[in-house]
């Protein structure tokens, strides 16, 4: 209903109570409490900032979040210290900006957090600290401004919600303070009480005008002076609604309790009578027309039966007619406004692509083409409908700007191009990158593995000892030293930030120690010995195999590394 009526430009009011738990004001409160409870966890901080009520714009929040995730900022101690870590591909001025954002956030939330961290506080103390945060952030003023903007945009329902939510929150805090103000409790208990109150808070909205369609249900909505009534959803199980089966008290026990003066909820039989009363009351309201509607099937294709009420009415009025609604979209008579006419226009556009056009559709097209609001949108749709895919390749000048005069490629990059040319273009041409996240990635482990093994091999080479002369214990000690040295230089904080990272390093050591011993056994069984480690293709000079000519438009240089080169000295020349 909320989406259909605006399409036809029909003013409508939906009579319902709204849950306000996800209102930005309440999300701000819950986020602020979560910041304290989770010690400035990134999820809690940005849950609060995303509401737009903490004094940060959306762009500032995005920039701060990107840095926090890339630098692994955790805990209020890191938020209070100046940030010095600069993630890859970040400029120095970015570091200055995020430090400014950090200072603003700490200045706003740290006084509140210090109060809430104290142990043995009363509920009144917590409620007062929360109110002071709301006052310092001017939440009331921000809500009033948003309500005024929504009202100017015609969103009367949301405007009334925003105008009421602050008063509901303050009343809830007052009631909590009045009932449990002097009770000593932990912050977690205070949060749970507040959450319980907020989850039950609802906003009732009165109709903003008279000349509009009113949408409601048979129990809640009270209608007067109704000329036309559309009764929707007359399906079996919906009207009347099915009662809840079961219960711990039987009907006989209910009668006994009722005789002894106990007030009980209506029985299933009483509920059926109440529903019949509401049905009678609503069906007799309209003075001119009554329309009854029911579904033939559900959204998942299950056939649905009409309510028994439909057969009763058809028996009372045998000359009544039943009309089956046609599928929307292909009927011109359903077009009543420019907004909902777009559905018929798109349907006609599909037909026009196949060479079929109706005069009515052409007239609708002309109407849109003359309308300043829709002209550009319609032109875009027509171009998209009749455009053909451009199979031309990038021009050589564009390729040179993207990839350079000499294309430097690796085997991985060529495999990426063979698998998906567009993915190669996005990654290496446009240089798109995923958001950087702090932590140890699989690619990092691969680099650590190669560098540790390379360092291990070079240490053996400079020691003037042969691989086969080392004992297993000596290899283990040397390999662990190499892993520690490499991990200290590569990744620094990320590889030593928590217990999980320490476990990853220990696991890498175990794998490399086993690998070193396997290599030891392989070398002992033959005459080959390692003579090169991580040998780059660049050392090959101008070999044609790594410098591929692309004709008059340029050339491609292959780069990469050979993990290890083994040689064996024979009677003649050495064998690789």
Protein backbone atom coordinates (compact mmCIF):
# COMPACT_ATOMS: atom_id res chain seq x y z
CA UNK A 1 0.00 0.00 0.00
CA UNK A 2 2.76 2.42 0.91
CA UNK A 3 4.34 1.97 -2.53
CA UNK A 4 1.26 1.60 -4.74
CA UNK A 5 -0.63 4.76 -3.77
CA UNK A 6 2.31 7.14 -4.43
CA UNK A 7 2.66 5.65 -7.94
CA UNK A 8 -0.89 6.74 -8.73
CA UNK A 9 -0.44 10.04 -6.85
CA UNK A 10 -3.30 9.19 -4.51
CA UNK A 11 -2.94 10.66 -1.00
CA UNK A 12 -3.31 7.86 1.55
CA UNK A 13 -2.91 7.38 5.28
CA UNK A 14 -1.99 3.97 6.73
CA UNK A 15 -3.47 3.62 10.20
CA UNK A 16 -0.86 1.70 12.18
CA UNK A 17 1.42 2.00 15.16
CA UNK A 18 5.09 2.13 14.21
CA UNK A 19 8.00 0.48 15.93
CA UNK A 20 10.67 3.13 16.54
CA UNK A 21 13.53 0.87 17.61
CA UNK A 22 15.47 1.54 14.40
CA UNK A 23 15.00 5.31 14.51
CA UNK A 24 18.40 7.08 14.18
CA UNK A 25 17.97 8.66 17.63
CA UNK A 26 17.55 5.30 19.34
CA UNK A 27 20.29 3.73 17.21
CA UNK A 28 22.57 6.54 18.41
CA UNK A 29 21.74 5.73 22.04
CA UNK A 30 22.23 2.00 21.60
CA UNK A 31 25.46 2.57 19.67
CA UNK A 32 26.84 4.89 22.37
CA UNK A 33 26.16 2.28 25.06
CA UNK A 34 27.75 -0.40 22.89
CA UNK A 35 30.87 1.75 22.48
CA UNK A 36 31.37 1.65 26.25
CA UNK A 37 30.49 -2.03 26.65
CA UNK A 38 32.69 -3.23 23.79
CA UNK A 39 35.57 -0.81 24.47
CA UNK A 40 35.36 1.18 21.24
CA UNK A 41 34.93 -1.81 18.94
CA UNK A 42 34.77 -0.70 15.30
CA UNK A 43 31.25 -2.11 14.82
CA UNK A 44 29.95 -0.16 17.82
CA UNK A 45 31.67 3.10 16.88
CA UNK A 46 30.37 3.14 13.32
CA UNK A 47 26.92 1.95 14.34
CA UNK A 48 26.73 5.20 16.26
CA UNK A 49 28.35 7.41 13.61
CA UNK A 50 26.16 6.03 10.80
CA UNK A 51 23.11 7.61 12.40
CA UNK A 52 24.44 11.03 11.37
CA UNK A 53 23.78 12.42 14.85
CA UNK A 54 27.32 12.36 16.22
CA UNK A 55 28.53 15.37 14.24
CA UNK A 56 30.18 13.40 11.42
CA UNK A 57 29.16 13.56 7.78
CA UNK A 58 28.76 10.41 5.70
CA UNK A 59 32.06 11.05 3.85
CA UNK A 60 33.95 11.61 7.09
CA UNK A 61 32.50 8.40 8.53
CA UNK A 62 33.50 6.44 5.43
CA UNK A 63 37.05 7.78 5.49
CA UNK A 64 37.44 7.09 9.20
CA UNK A 65 36.02 3.58 8.87
CA UNK A 66 38.36 2.72 6.00
CA UNK A 67 41.37 3.76 8.07
CA UNK A 68 40.23 1.98 11.26
CA UNK A 69 39.66 -1.29 9.39
CA UNK A 70 42.99 -1.02 7.56
CA UNK A 71 44.99 -0.12 10.69
CA UNK A 72 43.23 -2.54 13.04
CA UNK A 73 42.28 0.09 15.63
CA UNK A 74 40.78 -1.62 18.70
CA UNK A 75 40.18 -0.41 22.22
CA UNK A 76 39.84 3.08 23.68
CA UNK A 77 43.58 3.26 24.42
CA UNK A 78 44.39 3.25 20.70
CA UNK A 79 41.67 5.83 20.09
CA UNK A 80 43.28 8.14 22.68
CA UNK A 81 46.77 7.90 21.14
CA UNK A 82 47.85 9.70 17.97
CA UNK A 83 47.71 7.36 14.99
CA UNK A 84 50.99 7.01 13.10
CA UNK A 85 50.45 3.90 10.99
CA UNK A 86 49.91 4.76 7.33
CA UNK A 87 48.31 1.93 5.31
CA UNK A 88 49.55 1.23 1.80
CA UNK A 89 48.45 3.66 -0.91
CA UNK A 90 47.40 6.29 1.67
CA UNK A 91 48.69 9.86 1.49
CA UNK A 92 50.13 11.70 4.47
CA UNK A 93 47.26 14.21 4.54
CA UNK A 94 44.82 11.32 5.04
CA UNK A 95 46.61 10.50 8.29
CA UNK A 96 46.17 14.10 9.45
CA UNK A 97 42.44 14.05 8.64
CA UNK A 98 41.71 10.76 10.42
CA UNK A 99 43.59 11.97 13.49
CA UNK A 100 41.36 15.04 13.49
CA UNK A 101 38.29 12.79 13.30
CA UNK A 102 39.72 10.67 16.13
CA UNK A 103 40.13 13.71 18.39
CA UNK A 104 36.58 14.87 17.68
CA UNK A 105 35.12 11.43 18.44
CA UNK A 106 37.10 10.99 21.68
CA UNK A 107 36.18 14.50 22.81
CA UNK A 108 32.51 13.70 22.26
CA UNK A 109 32.25 10.19 23.73
CA UNK A 110 35.08 9.74 26.23
CA UNK A 111 33.49 11.84 29.07
CA UNK A 112 30.34 9.74 28.69
CA UNK A 113 32.37 6.50 28.55
CA UNK A 114 34.36 7.37 31.70
CA UNK A 115 31.14 7.86 33.66
CA UNK A 116 29.52 4.67 32.38
CA UNK A 117 32.64 2.53 33.10
CA UNK A 118 32.46 3.22 36.83
CA UNK A 119 31.29 0.28 38.93
CA UNK A 120 28.48 0.31 41.47
CA UNK A 121 26.42 3.10 39.92
CA UNK A 122 22.69 3.53 40.30
CA UNK A 123 20.22 3.53 37.44
CA UNK A 124 19.67 7.25 38.02
CA UNK A 125 23.41 7.87 37.50
CA UNK A 126 23.43 5.99 34.17
CA UNK A 127 20.24 7.72 32.99
CA UNK A 128 21.64 11.16 33.87
CA UNK A 129 24.90 10.46 32.00
CA UNK A 130 22.94 9.34 28.94
CA UNK A 131 20.74 12.43 29.06
CA UNK A 132 23.84 14.67 29.23
CA UNK A 133 25.22 12.97 26.11
CA UNK A 134 21.93 13.59 24.29
CA UNK A 135 21.99 17.22 25.38
CA UNK A 136 25.64 17.78 24.38
CA UNK A 137 25.02 16.26 20.93
CA UNK A 138 21.87 18.37 20.49
CA UNK A 139 19.81 15.33 19.52
CA UNK A 140 16.51 17.15 20.10
CA UNK A 141 17.44 19.95 17.68
CA UNK A 142 18.64 17.48 15.04
CA UNK A 143 15.39 15.50 15.25
CA UNK A 144 13.33 18.68 14.87
CA UNK A 145 15.32 19.68 11.78
CA UNK A 146 14.86 16.24 10.22
CA UNK A 147 11.15 16.29 11.01
CA UNK A 148 10.81 19.71 9.31
CA UNK A 149 12.67 18.43 6.25
CA UNK A 150 10.49 15.30 6.03
CA UNK A 151 7.37 17.41 6.34
CA UNK A 152 8.60 19.66 3.52
CA UNK A 153 9.18 16.53 1.40
CA UNK A 154 5.64 15.34 2.04
CA UNK A 155 6.65 12.44 4.33
CA UNK A 156 4.12 13.31 7.01
CA UNK A 157 4.18 9.92 8.74
CA UNK A 158 7.94 9.90 9.22
CA UNK A 159 7.90 13.57 10.17
CA UNK A 160 5.52 12.87 13.06
CA UNK A 161 7.66 9.89 14.14
CA UNK A 162 10.79 12.06 14.32
CA UNK A 163 8.92 14.77 16.22
CA UNK A 164 7.76 12.27 18.89
CA UNK A 165 10.71 9.92 19.37
CA UNK A 166 12.81 12.20 21.60
CA UNK A 167 9.91 12.76 23.99
CA UNK A 168 9.27 8.99 24.14
CA UNK A 169 12.94 8.36 25.02
CA UNK A 170 13.02 11.01 27.76
CA UNK A 171 9.74 9.73 29.26
CA UNK A 172 11.15 6.20 29.30
CA UNK A 173 14.26 7.39 31.15
CA UNK A 174 12.08 9.32 33.62
CA UNK A 175 9.93 6.25 34.29
CA UNK A 176 13.00 4.06 34.78
CA UNK A 177 14.49 6.60 37.19
CA UNK A 178 11.21 6.87 39.12
CA UNK A 179 10.83 3.10 39.53
CA UNK A 180 14.45 1.92 39.87
CA UNK A 181 16.43 5.13 40.29
CA UNK A 182 18.25 4.15 43.49
CA UNK A 183 18.90 0.54 42.43
CA UNK A 184 22.61 -0.27 42.05
CA UNK A 185 23.35 -2.21 38.88
CA UNK A 186 25.91 -2.88 36.17
CA UNK A 187 25.87 -1.13 32.81
CA UNK A 188 24.77 -4.36 31.09
CA UNK A 189 21.65 -4.54 33.25
CA UNK A 190 20.82 -0.88 32.60
CA UNK A 191 21.21 -1.47 28.85
CA UNK A 192 18.90 -4.50 28.95
CA UNK A 193 16.20 -2.54 30.80
CA UNK A 194 16.46 0.33 28.34
CA UNK A 195 16.38 -2.07 25.35
CA UNK A 196 13.25 -3.75 26.73
CA UNK A 197 11.51 -0.38 27.04
CA UNK A 198 12.57 0.80 23.59
CA UNK A 199 11.47 -2.45 21.92
CA UNK A 200 7.92 -1.85 23.18
CA UNK A 201 7.83 1.84 22.27
CA UNK A 202 5.52 2.68 19.39
CA UNK A 203 4.38 5.85 17.68
CA UNK A 204 0.79 6.43 16.73
CA UNK A 205 0.23 8.82 13.84
CA UNK A 206 -2.99 10.72 13.29
CA UNK A 207 -4.25 11.38 9.74
CA UNK A 208 -2.52 14.52 8.42
CA UNK A 209 -5.56 15.46 6.32
CA UNK A 210 -9.19 14.62 5.52
CA UNK A 211 -9.28 14.32 1.73
CA UNK A 212 -7.33 11.08 1.40
CA UNK A 213 -7.68 7.31 1.37
CA UNK A 214 -7.54 5.71 4.81
CA UNK A 215 -5.99 2.26 5.09
CA UNK A 216 -6.49 0.21 8.25
CA UNK A 217 -7.56 -3.13 9.72
CA UNK A 218 -10.98 -4.24 10.93
CA UNK A 219 -10.04 -4.21 14.62
CA UNK A 220 -8.05 -1.03 15.05
CA UNK A 221 -9.39 1.45 12.50
CA UNK A 222 -12.53 3.39 13.31
CA UNK A 223 -14.27 4.72 10.21
CA UNK A 224 -17.10 7.23 10.01
CA UNK A 225 -19.07 8.70 7.08
CA UNK A 226 -17.58 6.24 4.60
CA UNK A 227 -18.88 6.40 1.04
CA UNK A 228 -16.73 3.68 -0.59
CA UNK A 229 -15.02 0.77 1.15
CA UNK A 230 -12.51 -1.65 -0.39
CA UNK A 231 -12.23 -4.80 1.74
CA UNK A 232 -8.99 -6.64 0.84
CA UNK A 233 -7.72 -10.08 1.77
CA UNK A 234 -10.99 -11.99 2.08
CA UNK A 235 -9.26 -15.36 2.03
CA UNK A 236 -9.78 -18.46 4.11
CA UNK A 237 -7.68 -18.20 7.27
CA UNK A 238 -7.26 -14.43 6.99
CA UNK A 239 -10.85 -13.23 7.43
CA UNK A 240 -11.87 -14.36 9.92
CA UNK A 241 -8.44 -15.08 11.33
CA UNK A 242 -7.61 -18.52 12.64
CA UNK A 243 -7.48 -18.81 16.40
CA UNK A 244 -4.40 -20.00 18.27
CA UNK A 245 -4.73 -23.70 18.98
CA UNK A 246 -3.73 -25.29 22.26
CA UNK A 247 -2.91 -23.64 25.58
CA UNK A 248 -2.27 -24.84 29.11
CA UNK A 249 -5.83 -24.07 30.30
CA UNK A 250 -8.72 -26.06 28.84
CA UNK A 251 -12.15 -24.58 28.08
CA UNK A 252 -13.65 -26.32 31.13
CA UNK A 253 -10.97 -24.88 33.39
CA UNK A 254 -11.52 -21.44 31.88
CA UNK A 255 -15.23 -21.64 32.74
CA UNK A 256 -14.36 -22.62 36.29
CA UNK A 257 -11.91 -19.72 36.67
CA UNK A 258 -14.46 -17.33 35.21
CA UNK A 259 -17.11 -18.43 37.72
CA UNK A 260 -14.64 -17.60 40.51
CA UNK A 261 -14.21 -14.02 39.30
CA UNK A 262 -10.97 -14.38 37.34
CA UNK A 263 -10.61 -12.08 34.32
CA UNK A 264 -9.47 -14.08 31.29
CA UNK A 265 -8.77 -13.45 27.64
CA UNK A 266 -11.62 -14.33 25.26
CA UNK A 267 -12.01 -17.97 24.29
CA UNK A 268 -11.73 -19.14 20.70
CA UNK A 269 -15.52 -19.15 20.45
CA UNK A 270 -15.78 -15.65 21.88
CA UNK A 271 -13.08 -14.46 19.48
CA UNK A 272 -15.04 -15.78 16.53
CA UNK A 273 -18.11 -13.79 17.68
CA UNK A 274 -15.97 -10.67 18.14
CA UNK A 275 -14.57 -11.03 14.62
CA UNK A 276 -18.07 -11.47 13.20
CA UNK A 277 -19.12 -8.29 14.98
CA UNK A 278 -16.19 -6.36 13.47
CA UNK A 279 -17.01 -7.77 10.03
CA UNK A 280 -20.64 -6.71 10.33
CA UNK A 281 -19.60 -3.29 11.59
CA UNK A 282 -17.21 -2.63 8.70
CA UNK A 283 -19.30 -4.13 5.89
CA UNK A 284 -22.26 -1.92 6.81
CA UNK A 285 -20.19 1.30 6.92
CA UNK A 286 -20.13 2.41 3.25
CA UNK A 287 -23.10 4.40 2.02
CA UNK A 288 -22.49 4.04 -1.75
CA UNK A 289 -20.14 1.21 -2.77
CA UNK A 290 -18.58 -1.89 -1.21
CA UNK A 291 -15.81 -3.78 -3.02
CA UNK A 292 -14.65 -7.20 -1.80
CA UNK A 293 -11.31 -8.62 -2.92
CA UNK A 294 -9.45 -11.89 -2.39
CA UNK A 295 -6.33 -13.60 -3.74
CA UNK A 296 -6.39 -16.53 -6.15
CA UNK A 297 -2.88 -17.62 -5.18
CA UNK A 298 0.04 -16.72 -2.94
CA UNK A 299 3.38 -15.32 -4.06
CA UNK A 300 4.90 -18.82 -4.10
CA UNK A 301 2.15 -20.20 -6.38
CA UNK A 302 -0.05 -21.93 -3.80
CA UNK A 303 -3.77 -21.77 -4.63
CA UNK A 304 -5.79 -19.83 -2.03
CA UNK A 305 -9.49 -20.18 -1.32
CA UNK A 306 -11.84 -17.25 -0.68
CA UNK A 307 -13.33 -16.80 2.78
CA UNK A 308 -16.72 -18.30 3.62
CA UNK A 309 -17.92 -14.70 3.83
CA UNK A 310 -17.68 -14.43 0.02
CA UNK A 311 -20.05 -17.37 -0.55
CA UNK A 312 -22.46 -16.00 2.06
CA UNK A 313 -22.62 -12.62 0.32
CA UNK A 314 -23.00 -14.20 -3.13
CA UNK A 315 -25.90 -16.24 -1.76
CA UNK A 316 -27.54 -13.09 -0.38
CA UNK A 317 -26.96 -11.18 -3.63
CA UNK A 318 -27.16 -13.70 -6.51
CA UNK A 319 -26.88 -11.03 -9.23
CA UNK A 320 -23.55 -9.76 -7.97
CA UNK A 321 -20.66 -10.00 -10.49
CA UNK A 322 -17.14 -11.26 -9.88
CA UNK A 323 -14.36 -9.63 -11.92
CA UNK A 324 -10.88 -11.12 -12.24
CA UNK A 325 -8.14 -8.52 -12.25
CA UNK A 326 -5.75 -8.68 -15.20
CA UNK A 327 -2.00 -8.63 -14.97
CA UNK A 328 -0.75 -5.03 -14.56
CA UNK A 329 1.60 -3.46 -17.03
CA UNK A 330 0.14 -4.25 -20.43
CA UNK A 331 -3.13 -2.34 -20.16
CA UNK A 332 -3.27 1.32 -21.14
CA UNK A 333 -6.36 1.98 -19.01
CA UNK A 334 -4.22 1.46 -15.89
CA UNK A 335 -2.14 4.51 -16.82
CA UNK A 336 -3.52 7.44 -14.84
CA UNK A 337 -0.41 9.49 -14.02
CA UNK A 338 3.00 10.10 -15.50
CA UNK A 339 4.59 8.17 -12.65
CA UNK A 340 2.68 4.93 -13.02
CA UNK A 341 2.59 5.31 -16.81
CA UNK A 342 6.26 4.31 -16.88
CA UNK A 343 5.21 0.69 -16.39
CA UNK A 344 3.15 0.70 -19.59
CA UNK A 345 5.87 2.68 -21.38
CA UNK A 346 8.50 0.02 -20.55
CA UNK A 347 6.15 -2.73 -21.70
CA UNK A 348 5.62 -0.87 -24.99
CA UNK A 349 9.36 -0.31 -25.31
CA UNK A 350 9.93 -4.06 -25.25
CA UNK A 351 7.31 -4.47 -27.98
CA UNK A 352 8.91 -1.67 -30.02
CA UNK A 353 12.23 -3.53 -30.00
CA UNK A 354 10.44 -6.35 -31.83
CA UNK A 355 8.90 -3.92 -34.33
CA UNK A 356 5.45 -3.67 -32.72
CA UNK A 357 4.17 -0.25 -31.74
CA UNK A 358 0.68 0.91 -30.81
CA UNK A 359 -0.62 4.46 -31.47
CA UNK A 360 -1.44 4.83 -27.77
CA UNK A 361 2.13 4.00 -26.81
CA UNK A 362 3.50 6.49 -29.32
CA UNK A 363 1.28 9.19 -27.82
CA UNK A 364 2.55 8.29 -24.33
CA UNK A 365 6.13 8.48 -25.63
CA UNK A 366 5.41 11.93 -27.09
CA UNK A 367 3.96 13.08 -23.75
CA UNK A 368 7.08 12.04 -21.88
CA UNK A 369 9.36 13.56 -24.53
CA UNK A 370 7.67 16.96 -24.05
CA UNK A 371 7.83 16.77 -20.25
CA UNK A 372 10.91 18.45 -18.75
CA UNK A 373 10.92 16.09 -15.75
CA UNK A 374 10.81 12.84 -17.75
CA UNK A 375 12.47 13.81 -21.06
CA UNK A 376 16.05 12.82 -20.21
CA UNK A 377 15.00 9.65 -18.39
CA UNK A 378 12.95 8.47 -21.37
CA UNK A 379 15.77 9.21 -23.79
CA UNK A 380 18.13 7.12 -21.65
CA UNK A 381 15.67 4.22 -21.62
CA UNK A 382 15.20 4.35 -25.39
CA UNK A 383 18.96 4.45 -26.01
CA UNK A 384 19.45 1.48 -23.70
CA UNK A 385 16.65 -0.49 -25.38
CA UNK A 386 17.94 -0.04 -28.91
CA UNK A 387 21.68 0.06 -28.28
CA UNK A 388 23.93 -2.73 -29.42
CA UNK A 389 26.96 -4.01 -27.60
CA UNK A 390 30.19 -2.35 -28.66
CA UNK A 391 32.60 -5.19 -29.39
CA UNK A 392 35.47 -2.88 -30.35
CA UNK A 393 38.66 -3.23 -28.36
CA UNK A 394 40.37 -0.43 -26.49
CA UNK A 395 42.31 1.92 -28.74
CA UNK A 396 46.09 1.69 -28.61
CA UNK A 397 46.35 5.20 -27.18
CA UNK A 398 43.96 4.28 -24.33
CA UNK A 399 45.88 1.05 -23.70
CA UNK A 400 49.18 2.93 -23.47
CA UNK A 401 47.71 5.31 -20.90
CA UNK A 402 46.37 2.41 -18.86
CA UNK A 403 49.22 -0.09 -19.12
CA UNK A 404 52.24 1.90 -20.33
CA UNK A 405 54.49 1.63 -23.37
CA UNK A 406 55.94 -1.67 -22.16
CA UNK A 407 53.40 -4.03 -20.65
CA UNK A 408 54.98 -5.75 -17.66
CA UNK A 409 53.10 -8.99 -17.07
CA UNK A 410 53.42 -11.95 -14.78
CA UNK A 411 52.12 -15.48 -15.19
CA UNK A 412 49.37 -14.77 -12.65
CA UNK A 413 48.31 -11.70 -14.58
CA UNK A 414 48.18 -13.58 -17.89
CA UNK A 415 46.10 -16.31 -16.27
CA UNK A 416 43.73 -13.64 -14.97
CA UNK A 417 43.36 -12.22 -18.49
CA UNK A 418 42.68 -15.68 -19.93
CA UNK A 419 40.05 -16.39 -17.28
CA UNK A 420 38.25 -13.01 -17.51
CA UNK A 421 39.44 -10.07 -19.61
CA UNK A 422 37.20 -7.61 -17.78
CA UNK A 423 38.54 -8.67 -14.36
CA UNK A 424 42.05 -8.05 -15.73
CA UNK A 425 40.98 -4.63 -17.01
CA UNK A 426 39.42 -3.68 -13.66
CA UNK A 427 42.39 -4.87 -11.61
CA UNK A 428 45.36 -3.80 -13.74
CA UNK A 429 43.87 -1.13 -16.02
CA UNK A 430 41.56 0.76 -13.67
CA UNK A 431 43.61 -0.41 -10.64
CA UNK A 432 40.53 -1.10 -8.54
CA UNK A 433 41.26 -2.48 -5.09
CA UNK A 434 39.15 -4.04 -2.38
CA UNK A 435 38.97 -2.22 0.92
CA UNK A 436 42.10 -2.94 2.91
CA UNK A 437 41.50 -4.96 6.07
CA UNK A 438 43.91 -5.37 8.95
CA UNK A 439 45.10 -8.90 9.53
CA UNK A 440 47.00 -11.80 8.04
CA UNK A 441 45.70 -12.83 4.61
CA UNK A 442 46.37 -16.06 2.69
CA UNK A 443 48.55 -14.11 0.25
CA UNK A 444 50.63 -12.82 3.18
CA UNK A 445 51.22 -16.38 4.39
CA UNK A 446 52.43 -17.36 0.92
CA UNK A 447 54.92 -14.49 0.88
CA UNK A 448 56.13 -15.40 4.40
CA UNK A 449 56.55 -19.01 3.33
CA UNK A 450 58.68 -18.13 0.30
CA UNK A 451 60.80 -15.51 2.06
CA UNK A 452 61.47 -17.75 5.07
CA UNK A 453 62.51 -20.65 2.87
CA UNK A 454 64.72 -18.34 0.78
CA UNK A 455 66.41 -16.91 3.89
CA UNK A 456 66.89 -20.43 5.28
CA UNK A 457 68.58 -21.55 2.05
CA UNK A 458 70.86 -18.51 1.90
CA UNK A 459 71.93 -19.00 5.52
CA UNK A 460 72.99 -22.57 4.70
CA UNK A 461 74.80 -21.36 1.57
CA UNK A 462 76.93 -18.83 3.50
CA UNK A 463 77.68 -21.31 6.30
CA UNK A 464 79.91 -23.46 4.01
CA UNK A 465 77.96 -26.54 5.05
CA UNK A 466 75.98 -28.85 2.84
CA UNK A 467 72.25 -29.37 3.32
CA UNK A 468 72.79 -33.05 4.03
CA UNK A 469 75.29 -32.32 6.85
CA UNK A 470 72.67 -30.62 9.07
CA UNK A 471 70.76 -32.57 11.68
CA UNK A 472 66.99 -32.26 11.99
CA UNK A 473 67.33 -30.30 15.23
CA UNK A 474 69.77 -27.82 13.63
CA UNK A 475 67.42 -27.30 10.70
CA UNK A 476 64.47 -26.72 13.04
CA UNK A 477 66.34 -24.08 15.07
CA UNK A 478 67.56 -22.29 11.93
CA UNK A 479 64.14 -22.34 10.27
CA UNK A 480 62.39 -20.92 13.35
CA UNK A 481 64.95 -18.11 13.49
CA UNK A 482 64.32 -17.33 9.80
CA UNK A 483 60.53 -17.27 10.28
CA UNK A 484 60.84 -14.92 13.27
CA UNK A 485 63.13 -12.59 11.35
CA UNK A 486 60.92 -12.49 8.24
CA UNK A 487 57.67 -12.03 10.18
CA UNK A 488 59.25 -9.20 12.17
CA UNK A 489 60.12 -7.32 8.97
CA UNK A 490 56.94 -8.19 7.04
CA UNK A 491 53.57 -7.23 8.46
CA UNK A 492 54.95 -6.05 11.79
CA UNK A 493 51.91 -5.44 14.01
CA UNK A 494 49.44 -7.64 12.12
CA UNK A 495 51.53 -10.77 12.65
CA UNK A 496 51.96 -10.17 16.39
CA UNK A 497 48.69 -8.49 17.32
CA UNK A 498 46.81 -11.32 19.02
CA UNK A 499 46.88 -14.99 20.01
CA UNK A 500 45.39 -16.05 16.69
CA UNK A 501 48.23 -14.44 14.74
CA UNK A 502 50.79 -16.05 17.10
CA UNK A 503 49.19 -19.43 16.43
CA UNK A 504 49.42 -18.78 12.67
CA UNK A 505 53.16 -18.06 12.98
CA UNK A 506 53.72 -21.26 15.00
CA UNK A 507 51.77 -23.27 12.44
CA UNK A 508 53.89 -21.76 9.65
CA UNK A 509 57.03 -22.79 11.54
CA UNK A 510 55.85 -26.40 11.83
CA UNK A 511 55.05 -26.59 8.09
CA UNK A 512 58.39 -25.05 7.08
CA UNK A 513 60.37 -27.31 9.41
CA UNK A 514 58.73 -30.36 7.85
CA UNK A 515 59.36 -28.94 4.35
CA UNK A 516 63.04 -28.33 5.15
CA UNK A 517 63.51 -31.90 6.32
CA UNK A 518 61.77 -33.26 3.21
CA UNK A 519 64.17 -31.20 1.05
CA UNK A 520 67.06 -32.55 3.13
CA UNK A 521 66.02 -36.13 2.40
CA UNK A 522 65.51 -35.43 -1.32
CA UNK A 523 68.96 -33.86 -1.67
CA UNK A 524 70.60 -36.67 0.28
CA UNK A 525 69.18 -39.20 -2.19
CA UNK A 526 70.78 -37.51 -5.26
CA UNK A 527 73.62 -35.32 -6.48
CA UNK A 528 71.63 -32.10 -7.11
CA UNK A 529 72.30 -29.12 -4.84
CA UNK A 530 70.50 -25.71 -4.65
CA UNK A 531 72.40 -22.99 -6.50
CA UNK A 532 69.83 -20.21 -6.75
CA UNK A 533 66.83 -19.00 -4.76
CA UNK A 534 63.99 -16.71 -5.86
CA UNK A 535 65.72 -16.05 -9.17
CA UNK A 536 64.00 -13.23 -11.06
CA UNK A 537 63.19 -13.32 -14.77
CA UNK A 538 64.72 -9.86 -14.94
CA UNK A 539 68.15 -11.50 -14.63
CA UNK A 540 67.55 -13.20 -17.98
CA UNK A 541 68.43 -10.02 -19.86
CA UNK A 542 66.98 -9.59 -23.36
CA UNK A 543 65.86 -13.14 -23.98
CA UNK A 544 63.01 -13.30 -26.48
CA UNK A 545 61.12 -15.67 -24.21
CA UNK A 546 60.60 -12.94 -21.59
CA UNK A 547 60.48 -9.95 -23.99
CA UNK A 548 57.59 -10.50 -26.36
CA UNK A 549 57.16 -8.16 -29.31
CA UNK A 550 53.64 -6.84 -29.88
CA UNK A 551 54.42 -5.47 -33.31
CA UNK A 552 54.63 -1.77 -33.98
CA UNK A 553 52.46 -0.91 -31.00
CA UNK A 554 54.81 -2.01 -28.21
CA UNK A 555 56.14 -5.01 -26.39
CA UNK A 556 55.43 -7.10 -23.31
CA UNK A 557 57.96 -7.94 -20.64
CA UNK A 558 57.35 -11.03 -18.52
CA UNK A 559 58.41 -10.90 -14.90
CA UNK A 560 58.39 -13.44 -12.14
CA UNK A 561 60.59 -15.56 -9.91
CA UNK A 562 61.86 -19.12 -9.94
CA UNK A 563 61.62 -20.46 -6.40
CA UNK A 564 64.80 -22.53 -6.54
CA UNK A 565 67.32 -23.73 -9.11
CA UNK A 566 69.12 -27.01 -8.42
CA UNK A 567 72.28 -28.02 -10.26
CA UNK A 568 74.31 -31.21 -10.40
CA UNK A 569 77.96 -31.37 -11.34
CA UNK A 570 78.60 -34.12 -13.85
CA UNK A 571 81.72 -35.21 -15.67
CA UNK A 572 81.08 -32.59 -18.34
CA UNK A 573 79.02 -29.47 -17.87
CA UNK A 574 76.73 -28.91 -14.92
CA UNK A 575 73.11 -30.05 -15.30
CA UNK A 576 70.15 -27.98 -14.16
